[in-house]
Amino acid sequence: MSRNRKRNRSKAEAAPVEEPPRRRRWGTIAAVFGLAVVAVVAWYAWPEVRGGRQPPATPAPTPPAKSPAPAEATPPAAPQTPPVDSTGRAETEPDRHQEPLRTDLSPARVRALQGRWGRTDGDYVIEIRKVDPDGRVEAAYFNPRPIRVSQASAAQEGATTKVFIELRDTGYPGCTYRLGYDPQTDSLQGVYYQAAMQQQYDVIFVRLP
């Protein structure tokens, strides 16, 4: 081999081999991808490095509060009316706990009730014509004209003989007398209930000749 040819071959072997263009392109892409991965990792790791400070989370919008439906108006409670006894008077608590009436009247008590009785404050007369031992009473009422007696009865309450009379006529829509016989004064004393005016009066009847 000639000396010149050997010299050229030595230069060719010593010269750097140039990579093909395609291999250089893939190397560039890999390098860029690696840098991108490093950048992403650094981006997410940066808050932890800074002490875990992250931007505050945006609170979710609060839905508007619903206005409560207006409550239905409750009608006022009706006032409680105390029970009314047979005389038309409102019963009180002591009245309902008193000794119950007994209708077994003795002959002496029956005789004491019979007769004509005049009210001391006017021309009002009660005539008790008959009293049965079981408490049924036959009576008449005058003012001074006759007034219809719808019912009448007598009963024994403790030591007192009671008389109840109800009037139902023109101007007397359920007016009542609730009287007790007083043997010391020989009189009937008690309460008159005027139903038309809803008023009560203390009254006394004395025996008429």
N, C-alpha and C. Protein backbone atom coordinates (compact mmCIF):
# COMPACT_ATOMS: atom_id res chain seq x y z
N MET A 1 0.88 -1.18 0.00
CA MET A 1 0.00 0.00 0.00
C MET A 1 0.91 1.21 0.00
N SER A 2 0.43 2.14 -0.68
CA SER A 2 1.29 3.33 -0.80
C SER A 2 1.22 4.17 0.46
N ARG A 3 2.19 4.99 0.67
CA ARG A 3 2.26 5.81 1.85
C ARG A 3 1.16 6.83 1.90
N ASN A 4 0.70 7.39 0.79
CA ASN A 4 -0.41 8.38 0.79
C ASN A 4 -1.72 7.74 1.16
N ARG A 5 -1.93 6.52 0.67
CA ARG A 5 -3.21 5.87 0.96
C ARG A 5 -3.29 5.56 2.44
N LYS A 6 -2.17 5.11 3.02
CA LYS A 6 -2.19 4.83 4.44
C LYS A 6 -2.47 6.10 5.24
N ARG A 7 -1.91 7.24 4.82
CA ARG A 7 -2.13 8.47 5.54
C ARG A 7 -3.60 8.87 5.51
N ASN A 8 -4.25 8.72 4.36
CA ASN A 8 -5.69 9.08 4.25
C ASN A 8 -6.54 8.18 5.11
N ARG A 9 -6.20 6.91 5.16
CA ARG A 9 -7.01 5.97 5.96
C ARG A 9 -6.87 6.31 7.44
N SER A 10 -5.69 6.66 7.85
CA SER A 10 -5.51 7.02 9.26
C SER A 10 -6.31 8.25 9.63
N LYS A 11 -6.38 9.24 8.73
CA LYS A 11 -7.17 10.45 8.98
C LYS A 11 -8.65 10.11 9.06
N ALA A 12 -9.08 9.18 8.23
CA ALA A 12 -10.52 8.83 8.25
C ALA A 12 -10.89 8.14 9.54
N GLU A 13 -10.02 7.26 10.05
CA GLU A 13 -10.34 6.58 11.30
C GLU A 13 -10.27 7.53 12.48
N ALA A 14 -9.37 8.49 12.45
CA ALA A 14 -9.27 9.43 13.58
C ALA A 14 -10.38 10.46 13.59
N ALA A 15 -11.03 10.76 12.52
CA ALA A 15 -12.10 11.78 12.48
C ALA A 15 -13.34 11.27 13.18
N PRO A 16 -14.05 12.12 13.96
CA PRO A 16 -15.29 11.69 14.66
C PRO A 16 -16.36 11.30 13.68
N VAL A 17 -17.06 10.24 14.12
CA VAL A 17 -18.15 9.73 13.27
C VAL A 17 -19.40 10.56 13.52
N GLU A 18 -19.96 11.13 12.57
CA GLU A 18 -21.15 11.99 12.69
C GLU A 18 -22.40 11.11 12.74
N GLU A 19 -23.24 11.34 13.81
CA GLU A 19 -24.48 10.56 13.96
C GLU A 19 -25.47 10.96 12.87
N PRO A 20 -26.26 10.01 12.50
CA PRO A 20 -27.28 10.34 11.50
C PRO A 20 -28.28 11.36 12.05
N PRO A 21 -28.92 12.17 11.23
CA PRO A 21 -29.87 13.21 11.69
C PRO A 21 -31.02 12.68 12.50
N ARG A 22 -31.58 11.51 12.18
CA ARG A 22 -32.75 10.98 12.91
C ARG A 22 -32.41 10.70 14.36
N ARG A 23 -31.18 10.12 14.58
CA ARG A 23 -30.81 9.80 15.95
C ARG A 23 -30.64 11.09 16.76
N ARG A 24 -30.10 12.13 16.17
CA ARG A 24 -29.97 13.39 16.90
C ARG A 24 -31.35 13.97 17.29
N ARG A 25 -32.34 13.83 16.39
CA ARG A 25 -33.68 14.38 16.65
C ARG A 25 -34.32 13.69 17.86
N TRP A 26 -34.23 12.35 17.93
CA TRP A 26 -34.82 11.63 19.06
C TRP A 26 -34.11 11.97 20.35
N GLY A 27 -32.84 12.20 20.28
CA GLY A 27 -32.12 12.59 21.48
C GLY A 27 -32.58 13.94 22.00
N THR A 28 -32.82 14.87 21.08
CA THR A 28 -33.31 16.20 21.48
C THR A 28 -34.69 16.11 22.14
N ILE A 29 -35.55 15.27 21.53
CA ILE A 29 -36.91 15.11 22.10
C ILE A 29 -36.85 14.53 23.49
N ALA A 30 -36.00 13.52 23.69
CA ALA A 30 -35.89 12.90 25.01
C ALA A 30 -35.38 13.90 26.04
N ALA A 31 -34.46 14.73 25.62
CA ALA A 31 -33.92 15.73 26.57
C ALA A 31 -34.99 16.74 26.95
N VAL A 32 -35.76 17.20 25.95
CA VAL A 32 -36.84 18.16 26.24
C VAL A 32 -37.88 17.53 27.15
N PHE A 33 -38.25 16.27 26.92
CA PHE A 33 -39.25 15.58 27.74
C PHE A 33 -38.78 15.44 29.18
N GLY A 34 -37.48 15.12 29.31
CA GLY A 34 -36.94 15.00 30.66
C GLY A 34 -36.98 16.31 31.40
N LEU A 35 -36.62 17.41 30.67
CA LEU A 35 -36.70 18.71 31.32
C LEU A 35 -38.13 19.05 31.73
N ALA A 36 -39.11 18.69 30.86
CA ALA A 36 -40.51 18.96 31.19
C ALA A 36 -40.93 18.20 32.43
N VAL A 37 -40.55 16.92 32.55
CA VAL A 37 -40.89 16.13 33.74
C VAL A 37 -40.29 16.76 34.98
N VAL A 38 -39.03 17.16 34.87
CA VAL A 38 -38.38 17.78 36.03
C VAL A 38 -39.12 19.07 36.43
N ALA A 39 -39.55 19.85 35.40
CA ALA A 39 -40.26 21.11 35.70
C ALA A 39 -41.59 20.84 36.39
N VAL A 40 -42.34 19.80 35.93
CA VAL A 40 -43.63 19.48 36.55
C VAL A 40 -43.44 19.03 37.99
N VAL A 41 -42.44 18.15 38.20
CA VAL A 41 -42.19 17.67 39.56
C VAL A 41 -41.81 18.84 40.46
N ALA A 42 -40.96 19.73 39.94
CA ALA A 42 -40.57 20.89 40.75
C ALA A 42 -41.75 21.79 41.06
N TRP A 43 -42.68 21.91 40.09
CA TRP A 43 -43.86 22.77 40.29
C TRP A 43 -44.75 22.26 41.43
N TYR A 44 -44.99 20.94 41.44
CA TYR A 44 -45.85 20.38 42.48
C TYR A 44 -45.14 20.26 43.81
N ALA A 45 -43.83 20.10 43.76
CA ALA A 45 -43.07 19.99 45.01
C ALA A 45 -42.79 21.33 45.64
N TRP A 46 -42.90 22.43 44.88
CA TRP A 46 -42.54 23.75 45.39
C TRP A 46 -43.35 24.18 46.63
N PRO A 47 -44.72 23.98 46.69
CA PRO A 47 -45.45 24.36 47.91
C PRO A 47 -44.97 23.62 49.13
N GLU A 48 -44.64 22.31 48.99
CA GLU A 48 -44.16 21.57 50.15
C GLU A 48 -42.83 22.12 50.61
N VAL A 49 -41.98 22.50 49.67
CA VAL A 49 -40.69 23.09 50.03
C VAL A 49 -40.89 24.41 50.74
N ARG A 50 -41.92 25.18 50.36
CA ARG A 50 -42.19 26.50 50.95
C ARG A 50 -42.98 26.41 52.24
N GLY A 51 -43.19 25.19 52.78
CA GLY A 51 -43.91 25.06 54.05
C GLY A 51 -45.35 24.64 53.87
N GLY A 52 -45.66 24.06 52.73
CA GLY A 52 -47.01 23.57 52.53
C GLY A 52 -48.02 24.64 52.29
N ARG A 53 -47.60 25.84 51.91
CA ARG A 53 -48.55 26.92 51.66
C ARG A 53 -49.19 26.73 50.30
N GLN A 54 -50.45 26.57 50.31
CA GLN A 54 -51.21 26.42 49.07
C GLN A 54 -52.24 27.52 49.00
N PRO A 55 -52.59 27.89 47.85
CA PRO A 55 -53.63 28.93 47.73
C PRO A 55 -54.92 28.49 48.40
N PRO A 56 -55.56 29.37 49.15
CA PRO A 56 -56.79 28.98 49.86
C PRO A 56 -57.85 28.52 48.87
N ALA A 57 -58.54 27.45 49.32
CA ALA A 57 -59.60 26.91 48.46
C ALA A 57 -60.77 27.88 48.42
N THR A 58 -61.30 28.04 47.27
CA THR A 58 -62.45 28.93 47.08
C THR A 58 -63.68 28.27 47.68
N PRO A 59 -64.32 28.91 48.68
CA PRO A 59 -65.49 28.26 49.29
C PRO A 59 -66.62 28.14 48.29
N ALA A 60 -67.33 27.02 48.46
CA ALA A 60 -68.47 26.79 47.57
C ALA A 60 -69.56 27.81 47.87
N PRO A 61 -70.22 28.28 46.87
CA PRO A 61 -71.29 29.27 47.12
C PRO A 61 -72.39 28.70 48.00
N THR A 62 -72.81 29.47 49.00
CA THR A 62 -73.85 29.05 49.92
C THR A 62 -75.22 29.37 49.32
N PRO A 63 -76.09 28.34 49.25
CA PRO A 63 -77.42 28.62 48.69
C PRO A 63 -78.18 29.59 49.57
N PRO A 64 -78.97 30.44 49.00
CA PRO A 64 -79.73 31.40 49.82
C PRO A 64 -80.67 30.69 50.78
N ALA A 65 -80.73 31.23 52.00
CA ALA A 65 -81.60 30.63 53.01
C ALA A 65 -83.05 30.83 52.63
N LYS A 66 -83.81 29.76 52.86
CA LYS A 66 -85.24 29.84 52.56
C LYS A 66 -85.95 30.52 53.71
N SER A 67 -86.79 31.44 53.36
CA SER A 67 -87.58 32.13 54.39
C SER A 67 -88.61 31.17 54.95
N PRO A 68 -88.74 31.11 56.29
CA PRO A 68 -89.74 30.19 56.85
C PRO A 68 -91.15 30.61 56.45
N ALA A 69 -91.95 29.58 56.21
CA ALA A 69 -93.34 29.86 55.83
C ALA A 69 -94.05 30.53 56.99
N PRO A 70 -94.86 31.52 56.74
CA PRO A 70 -95.57 32.19 57.84
C PRO A 70 -96.47 31.21 58.58
N ALA A 71 -96.37 31.26 59.90
CA ALA A 71 -97.18 30.36 60.70
C ALA A 71 -98.64 30.80 60.64
N GLU A 72 -99.50 29.79 60.60
CA GLU A 72 -100.93 30.10 60.59
C GLU A 72 -101.35 30.64 61.94
N ALA A 73 -102.14 31.65 61.88
CA ALA A 73 -102.61 32.27 63.11
C ALA A 73 -103.51 31.30 63.86
N THR A 74 -103.22 31.08 65.14
CA THR A 74 -104.02 30.19 65.96
C THR A 74 -105.16 30.98 66.57
N PRO A 75 -106.40 30.54 66.33
CA PRO A 75 -107.52 31.29 66.92
C PRO A 75 -107.45 31.25 68.43
N PRO A 76 -107.78 32.34 69.08
CA PRO A 76 -107.73 32.35 70.54
C PRO A 76 -108.66 31.32 71.13
N ALA A 77 -108.21 30.71 72.20
CA ALA A 77 -109.02 29.69 72.84
C ALA A 77 -110.26 30.32 73.45
N ALA A 78 -111.38 29.62 73.27
CA ALA A 78 -112.64 30.13 73.81
C ALA A 78 -112.59 30.09 75.33
N PRO A 79 -113.05 31.12 76.00
CA PRO A 79 -113.03 31.11 77.46
C PRO A 79 -113.89 29.99 77.99
N GLN A 80 -113.38 29.33 79.01
CA GLN A 80 -114.12 28.23 79.59
C GLN A 80 -115.19 28.77 80.52
N THR A 81 -116.40 28.32 80.28
CA THR A 81 -117.54 28.75 81.09
C THR A 81 -117.78 27.74 82.19
N PRO A 82 -117.81 28.17 83.42
CA PRO A 82 -118.04 27.21 84.51
C PRO A 82 -119.40 26.59 84.37
N PRO A 83 -119.55 25.33 84.80
CA PRO A 83 -120.87 24.69 84.70
C PRO A 83 -121.90 25.43 85.53
N VAL A 84 -123.12 25.36 85.06
CA VAL A 84 -124.23 26.06 85.70
C VAL A 84 -125.13 25.04 86.36
N ASP A 85 -125.49 25.30 87.60
CA ASP A 85 -126.36 24.37 88.30
C ASP A 85 -127.81 24.57 87.90
N SER A 86 -128.70 23.83 88.55
CA SER A 86 -130.11 23.86 88.16
C SER A 86 -130.77 25.19 88.44
N THR A 87 -130.13 26.05 89.22
CA THR A 87 -130.71 27.36 89.49
C THR A 87 -130.26 28.40 88.49
N GLY A 88 -129.37 28.04 87.58
CA GLY A 88 -128.86 29.00 86.62
C GLY A 88 -127.61 29.70 87.08
N ARG A 89 -127.14 29.41 88.30
CA ARG A 89 -125.93 30.04 88.81
C ARG A 89 -124.71 29.23 88.40
N ALA A 90 -123.62 29.93 88.17
CA ALA A 90 -122.38 29.24 87.85
C ALA A 90 -121.87 28.53 89.09
N GLU A 91 -121.59 27.24 88.96
CA GLU A 91 -121.09 26.47 90.08
C GLU A 91 -119.65 26.84 90.36
N THR A 92 -119.30 26.94 91.61
CA THR A 92 -117.91 27.14 92.02
C THR A 92 -117.34 25.81 92.48
N GLU A 93 -116.04 25.76 92.70
CA GLU A 93 -115.40 24.52 93.13
C GLU A 93 -115.98 24.02 94.44
N PRO A 94 -116.20 24.89 95.45
CA PRO A 94 -116.82 24.39 96.68
C PRO A 94 -118.22 23.84 96.46
N ASP A 95 -118.99 24.43 95.51
CA ASP A 95 -120.35 23.96 95.28
C ASP A 95 -120.35 22.50 94.85
N ARG A 96 -119.36 22.13 93.99
CA ARG A 96 -119.36 20.77 93.45
C ARG A 96 -118.86 19.75 94.47
N HIS A 97 -118.33 20.21 95.62
CA HIS A 97 -117.84 19.29 96.63
C HIS A 97 -118.70 19.32 97.90
N GLN A 98 -119.84 20.00 97.82
CA GLN A 98 -120.72 20.01 98.97
C GLN A 98 -121.42 18.67 99.10
N GLU A 99 -122.00 18.47 100.28
CA GLU A 99 -122.73 17.22 100.53
C GLU A 99 -123.90 17.11 99.55
N PRO A 100 -124.05 15.96 98.88
CA PRO A 100 -125.13 15.83 97.90
C PRO A 100 -126.51 15.95 98.54
N LEU A 101 -127.46 16.40 97.73
CA LEU A 101 -128.83 16.57 98.23
C LEU A 101 -129.49 15.21 98.44
N ARG A 102 -130.33 15.17 99.48
CA ARG A 102 -131.14 13.97 99.74
C ARG A 102 -132.60 14.36 99.58
N THR A 103 -133.36 13.44 99.04
CA THR A 103 -134.78 13.73 98.78
C THR A 103 -135.70 13.03 99.77
N ASP A 104 -135.12 12.38 100.77
CA ASP A 104 -135.97 11.71 101.77
C ASP A 104 -136.33 12.71 102.87
N LEU A 105 -137.38 13.48 102.62
CA LEU A 105 -137.78 14.54 103.55
C LEU A 105 -138.68 13.95 104.64
N SER A 106 -138.45 14.43 105.85
CA SER A 106 -139.29 13.99 106.97
C SER A 106 -140.63 14.72 106.90
N PRO A 107 -141.69 14.17 107.53
CA PRO A 107 -143.00 14.86 107.53
C PRO A 107 -142.92 16.25 108.12
N ALA A 108 -142.07 16.46 109.13
CA ALA A 108 -141.98 17.79 109.74
C ALA A 108 -141.39 18.80 108.75
N ARG A 109 -140.42 18.39 107.99
CA ARG A 109 -139.82 19.30 107.02
C ARG A 109 -140.79 19.58 105.87
N VAL A 110 -141.57 18.58 105.51
CA VAL A 110 -142.56 18.79 104.46
C VAL A 110 -143.58 19.84 104.89
N ARG A 111 -144.09 19.70 106.15
CA ARG A 111 -145.08 20.65 106.65
C ARG A 111 -144.49 22.06 106.77
N ALA A 112 -143.21 22.17 107.06
CA ALA A 112 -142.60 23.48 107.23
C ALA A 112 -142.53 24.23 105.90
N LEU A 113 -142.46 23.54 104.80
CA LEU A 113 -142.34 24.20 103.50
C LEU A 113 -143.68 24.62 102.93
N GLN A 114 -144.73 23.93 103.29
CA GLN A 114 -146.04 24.23 102.68
C GLN A 114 -146.58 25.57 103.19
N GLY A 115 -147.30 26.29 102.27
CA GLY A 115 -147.91 27.55 102.63
C GLY A 115 -147.61 28.62 101.58
N ARG A 116 -147.97 29.87 101.92
CA ARG A 116 -147.73 31.01 101.04
C ARG A 116 -146.59 31.84 101.62
N TRP A 117 -145.69 32.26 100.67
CA TRP A 117 -144.49 32.98 101.08
C TRP A 117 -144.39 34.27 100.26
N GLY A 118 -144.22 35.40 100.96
CA GLY A 118 -144.13 36.68 100.29
C GLY A 118 -142.70 37.24 100.36
N ARG A 119 -142.21 37.74 99.21
CA ARG A 119 -140.86 38.32 99.17
C ARG A 119 -140.88 39.68 99.87
N THR A 120 -139.86 39.97 100.64
CA THR A 120 -139.85 41.17 101.47
C THR A 120 -139.59 42.43 100.66
N ASP A 121 -139.15 42.34 99.41
CA ASP A 121 -138.82 43.54 98.64
C ASP A 121 -139.79 43.78 97.48
N GLY A 122 -140.99 43.17 97.51
CA GLY A 122 -141.95 43.41 96.42
C GLY A 122 -143.14 42.49 96.53
N ASP A 123 -144.01 42.60 95.52
CA ASP A 123 -145.24 41.80 95.52
C ASP A 123 -145.00 40.47 94.80
N TYR A 124 -144.06 39.71 95.28
CA TYR A 124 -143.76 38.40 94.70
C TYR A 124 -144.15 37.33 95.72
N VAL A 125 -144.93 36.38 95.25
CA VAL A 125 -145.47 35.37 96.17
C VAL A 125 -145.19 33.99 95.61
N ILE A 126 -144.70 33.10 96.48
CA ILE A 126 -144.55 31.67 96.17
C ILE A 126 -145.58 30.92 97.01
N GLU A 127 -146.33 30.08 96.34
CA GLU A 127 -147.31 29.24 97.03
C GLU A 127 -146.89 27.78 96.85
N ILE A 128 -146.48 27.16 97.95
CA ILE A 128 -146.10 25.74 97.93
C ILE A 128 -147.31 24.95 98.41
N ARG A 129 -147.93 24.29 97.47
CA ARG A 129 -149.19 23.61 97.77
C ARG A 129 -148.99 22.19 98.28
N LYS A 130 -147.98 21.52 97.75
CA LYS A 130 -147.77 20.13 98.14
C LYS A 130 -146.30 19.77 98.02
N VAL A 131 -145.80 19.00 98.97
CA VAL A 131 -144.43 18.51 98.95
C VAL A 131 -144.46 17.01 99.24
N ASP A 132 -143.96 16.22 98.32
CA ASP A 132 -143.88 14.78 98.53
C ASP A 132 -142.59 14.42 99.24
N PRO A 133 -142.58 13.32 99.98
CA PRO A 133 -141.34 12.90 100.66
C PRO A 133 -140.18 12.66 99.70
N ASP A 134 -140.47 12.35 98.43
CA ASP A 134 -139.38 12.11 97.47
C ASP A 134 -138.85 13.41 96.85
N GLY A 135 -139.39 14.59 97.28
CA GLY A 135 -138.86 15.87 96.83
C GLY A 135 -139.66 16.55 95.75
N ARG A 136 -140.69 15.92 95.24
CA ARG A 136 -141.50 16.60 94.23
C ARG A 136 -142.37 17.65 94.90
N VAL A 137 -142.43 18.84 94.24
CA VAL A 137 -143.13 19.99 94.82
C VAL A 137 -144.15 20.51 93.81
N GLU A 138 -145.34 20.79 94.31
CA GLU A 138 -146.37 21.47 93.51
C GLU A 138 -146.43 22.90 94.00
N ALA A 139 -146.06 23.87 93.10
CA ALA A 139 -145.95 25.26 93.54
C ALA A 139 -146.52 26.18 92.48
N ALA A 140 -146.84 27.42 92.91
CA ALA A 140 -147.30 28.48 92.02
C ALA A 140 -146.54 29.75 92.37
N TYR A 141 -146.47 30.69 91.37
CA TYR A 141 -145.73 31.93 91.57
C TYR A 141 -146.56 33.08 91.03
N PHE A 142 -146.54 34.21 91.75
CA PHE A 142 -147.36 35.36 91.38
C PHE A 142 -146.49 36.63 91.43
N ASN A 143 -146.79 37.59 90.47
CA ASN A 143 -145.98 38.82 90.42
C ASN A 143 -146.79 40.03 89.89
N PRO A 144 -147.82 40.50 90.40
CA PRO A 144 -148.74 39.70 91.22
C PRO A 144 -149.57 38.72 90.40
N ARG A 145 -149.51 38.85 89.03
CA ARG A 145 -150.25 37.91 88.19
C ARG A 145 -149.53 36.57 88.21
N PRO A 146 -150.21 35.49 87.86
CA PRO A 146 -149.59 34.16 87.88
C PRO A 146 -148.47 34.05 86.83
N ILE A 147 -147.40 33.46 87.22
CA ILE A 147 -146.26 33.16 86.35
C ILE A 147 -146.09 31.64 86.34
N ARG A 148 -145.88 31.10 85.14
CA ARG A 148 -145.81 29.64 85.01
C ARG A 148 -144.56 29.10 85.69
N VAL A 149 -144.74 28.09 86.54
CA VAL A 149 -143.65 27.36 87.19
C VAL A 149 -143.37 26.11 86.36
N SER A 150 -142.18 26.06 85.76
CA SER A 150 -141.86 24.91 84.91
C SER A 150 -141.43 23.69 85.71
N GLN A 151 -140.78 23.91 86.85
CA GLN A 151 -140.41 22.79 87.71
C GLN A 151 -140.13 23.30 89.11
N ALA A 152 -140.31 22.41 90.09
CA ALA A 152 -140.04 22.74 91.48
C ALA A 152 -139.69 21.46 92.21
N SER A 153 -138.77 21.57 93.16
CA SER A 153 -138.34 20.40 93.91
C SER A 153 -137.80 20.82 95.26
N ALA A 154 -137.70 19.86 96.18
CA ALA A 154 -137.15 20.09 97.51
C ALA A 154 -136.21 18.95 97.83
N ALA A 155 -135.21 19.23 98.66
CA ALA A 155 -134.23 18.23 99.05
C ALA A 155 -133.58 18.66 100.35
N GLN A 156 -132.97 17.68 100.99
CA GLN A 156 -132.30 17.93 102.25
C GLN A 156 -130.79 17.99 101.99
N GLU A 157 -130.14 19.10 102.40
CA GLU A 157 -128.69 19.28 102.27
C GLU A 157 -128.14 19.56 103.66
N GLY A 158 -127.57 18.53 104.28
CA GLY A 158 -127.13 18.67 105.65
C GLY A 158 -128.31 18.90 106.57
N ALA A 159 -128.25 19.98 107.33
CA ALA A 159 -129.35 20.30 108.24
C ALA A 159 -130.35 21.26 107.63
N THR A 160 -130.17 21.64 106.35
CA THR A 160 -131.02 22.64 105.71
C THR A 160 -131.90 21.99 104.65
N THR A 161 -133.17 22.38 104.66
CA THR A 161 -134.09 21.94 103.62
C THR A 161 -134.06 22.95 102.49
N LYS A 162 -133.75 22.48 101.27
CA LYS A 162 -133.60 23.35 100.11
C LYS A 162 -134.83 23.27 99.22
N VAL A 163 -135.13 24.40 98.58
CA VAL A 163 -136.24 24.48 97.62
C VAL A 163 -135.71 25.10 96.33
N PHE A 164 -136.06 24.47 95.22
CA PHE A 164 -135.66 24.99 93.91
C PHE A 164 -136.92 25.18 93.07
N ILE A 165 -137.03 26.38 92.45
CA ILE A 165 -138.19 26.72 91.61
C ILE A 165 -137.67 27.36 90.33
N GLU A 166 -138.19 26.91 89.19
CA GLU A 166 -137.82 27.49 87.89
C GLU A 166 -139.07 28.07 87.24
N LEU A 167 -138.92 29.29 86.70
CA LEU A 167 -140.02 30.00 86.06
C LEU A 167 -139.75 30.10 84.56
N ARG A 168 -140.77 29.77 83.76
CA ARG A 168 -140.66 29.92 82.30
C ARG A 168 -141.97 30.51 81.80
N ASP A 169 -141.88 31.82 81.50
CA ASP A 169 -143.06 32.54 81.03
C ASP A 169 -142.56 33.80 80.34
N THR A 170 -143.48 34.65 79.91
CA THR A 170 -143.09 35.90 79.26
C THR A 170 -142.30 36.77 80.24
N GLY A 171 -141.08 37.12 79.85
CA GLY A 171 -140.22 37.89 80.74
C GLY A 171 -139.49 37.05 81.76
N TYR A 172 -139.73 35.76 81.77
CA TYR A 172 -139.07 34.85 82.72
C TYR A 172 -138.48 33.65 81.94
N PRO A 173 -137.43 33.88 81.20
CA PRO A 173 -136.85 32.81 80.38
C PRO A 173 -135.91 31.90 81.17
N GLY A 174 -136.47 31.15 82.12
CA GLY A 174 -135.62 30.28 82.93
C GLY A 174 -135.13 30.92 84.20
N CYS A 175 -135.88 31.87 84.74
CA CYS A 175 -135.50 32.47 86.02
C CYS A 175 -135.68 31.43 87.14
N THR A 176 -134.81 31.51 88.14
CA THR A 176 -134.85 30.47 89.17
C THR A 176 -134.74 31.08 90.56
N TYR A 177 -135.29 30.31 91.52
CA TYR A 177 -135.12 30.57 92.95
C TYR A 177 -134.39 29.37 93.55
N ARG A 178 -133.42 29.67 94.37
CA ARG A 178 -132.73 28.64 95.14
C ARG A 178 -132.76 29.08 96.58
N LEU A 179 -133.60 28.45 97.35
CA LEU A 179 -133.90 28.92 98.70
C LEU A 179 -133.63 27.82 99.71
N GLY A 180 -133.39 28.26 100.94
CA GLY A 180 -133.24 27.34 102.06
C GLY A 180 -134.14 27.76 103.21
N TYR A 181 -134.72 26.76 103.85
CA TYR A 181 -135.65 27.07 104.95
C TYR A 181 -134.87 27.30 106.23
N ASP A 182 -135.19 28.47 106.91
CA ASP A 182 -134.57 28.81 108.19
C ASP A 182 -135.62 28.65 109.27
N PRO A 183 -135.54 27.61 110.12
CA PRO A 183 -136.60 27.39 111.13
C PRO A 183 -136.61 28.45 112.23
N GLN A 184 -135.48 29.10 112.46
CA GLN A 184 -135.44 30.11 113.54
C GLN A 184 -136.28 31.33 113.19
N THR A 185 -136.27 31.75 111.93
CA THR A 185 -137.06 32.92 111.50
C THR A 185 -138.29 32.50 110.70
N ASP A 186 -138.46 31.20 110.48
CA ASP A 186 -139.57 30.68 109.68
C ASP A 186 -139.66 31.41 108.34
N SER A 187 -138.54 31.38 107.61
CA SER A 187 -138.45 32.09 106.34
C SER A 187 -137.65 31.25 105.33
N LEU A 188 -137.82 31.61 104.07
CA LEU A 188 -137.04 31.02 102.99
C LEU A 188 -136.04 32.07 102.51
N GLN A 189 -134.76 31.74 102.56
CA GLN A 189 -133.72 32.69 102.20
C GLN A 189 -132.82 32.07 101.13
N GLY A 190 -132.40 32.91 100.18
CA GLY A 190 -131.53 32.38 99.13
C GLY A 190 -131.26 33.39 98.04
N VAL A 191 -131.22 32.89 96.80
CA VAL A 191 -130.79 33.68 95.65
C VAL A 191 -131.83 33.56 94.55
N TYR A 192 -132.14 34.69 93.95
CA TYR A 192 -132.99 34.73 92.76
C TYR A 192 -132.12 35.06 91.55
N TYR A 193 -132.21 34.23 90.50
CA TYR A 193 -131.44 34.45 89.27
C TYR A 193 -132.38 34.97 88.20
N GLN A 194 -132.15 36.22 87.76
CA GLN A 194 -132.95 36.83 86.71
C GLN A 194 -132.28 36.51 85.37
N ALA A 195 -132.82 35.53 84.64
CA ALA A 195 -132.15 35.03 83.42
C ALA A 195 -132.11 36.07 82.32
N ALA A 196 -133.16 36.92 82.21
CA ALA A 196 -133.19 37.90 81.13
C ALA A 196 -132.04 38.89 81.27
N MET A 197 -131.72 39.30 82.49
CA MET A 197 -130.64 40.25 82.73
C MET A 197 -129.35 39.57 83.21
N GLN A 198 -129.42 38.25 83.44
CA GLN A 198 -128.28 37.47 83.93
C GLN A 198 -127.70 38.11 85.19
N GLN A 199 -128.56 38.36 86.14
CA GLN A 199 -128.15 38.94 87.42
C GLN A 199 -128.74 38.11 88.55
N GLN A 200 -128.09 38.19 89.71
CA GLN A 200 -128.54 37.45 90.88
C GLN A 200 -128.85 38.42 92.02
N TYR A 201 -129.82 38.05 92.82
CA TYR A 201 -130.24 38.90 93.94
C TYR A 201 -130.45 38.02 95.17
N ASP A 202 -130.00 38.52 96.31
CA ASP A 202 -130.31 37.85 97.57
C ASP A 202 -131.73 38.21 97.97
N VAL A 203 -132.51 37.20 98.29
CA VAL A 203 -133.95 37.43 98.58
C VAL A 203 -134.32 36.68 99.85
N ILE A 204 -135.42 37.16 100.44
CA ILE A 204 -136.00 36.53 101.64
C ILE A 204 -137.50 36.46 101.46
N PHE A 205 -138.08 35.31 101.72
CA PHE A 205 -139.54 35.13 101.72
C PHE A 205 -139.98 34.81 103.15
N VAL A 206 -141.01 35.50 103.58
CA VAL A 206 -141.58 35.23 104.91
C VAL A 206 -142.96 34.60 104.72
N ARG A 207 -143.36 33.85 105.74
CA ARG A 207 -144.64 33.15 105.64
C ARG A 207 -145.79 34.14 105.73
N LEU A 208 -146.78 33.97 104.84
CA LEU A 208 -147.96 34.82 104.82
C LEU A 208 -149.10 34.09 105.54
N PRO A 209 -149.97 34.89 106.15
CA PRO A 209 -151.12 34.26 106.82
C PRO A 209 -152.08 33.62 105.80
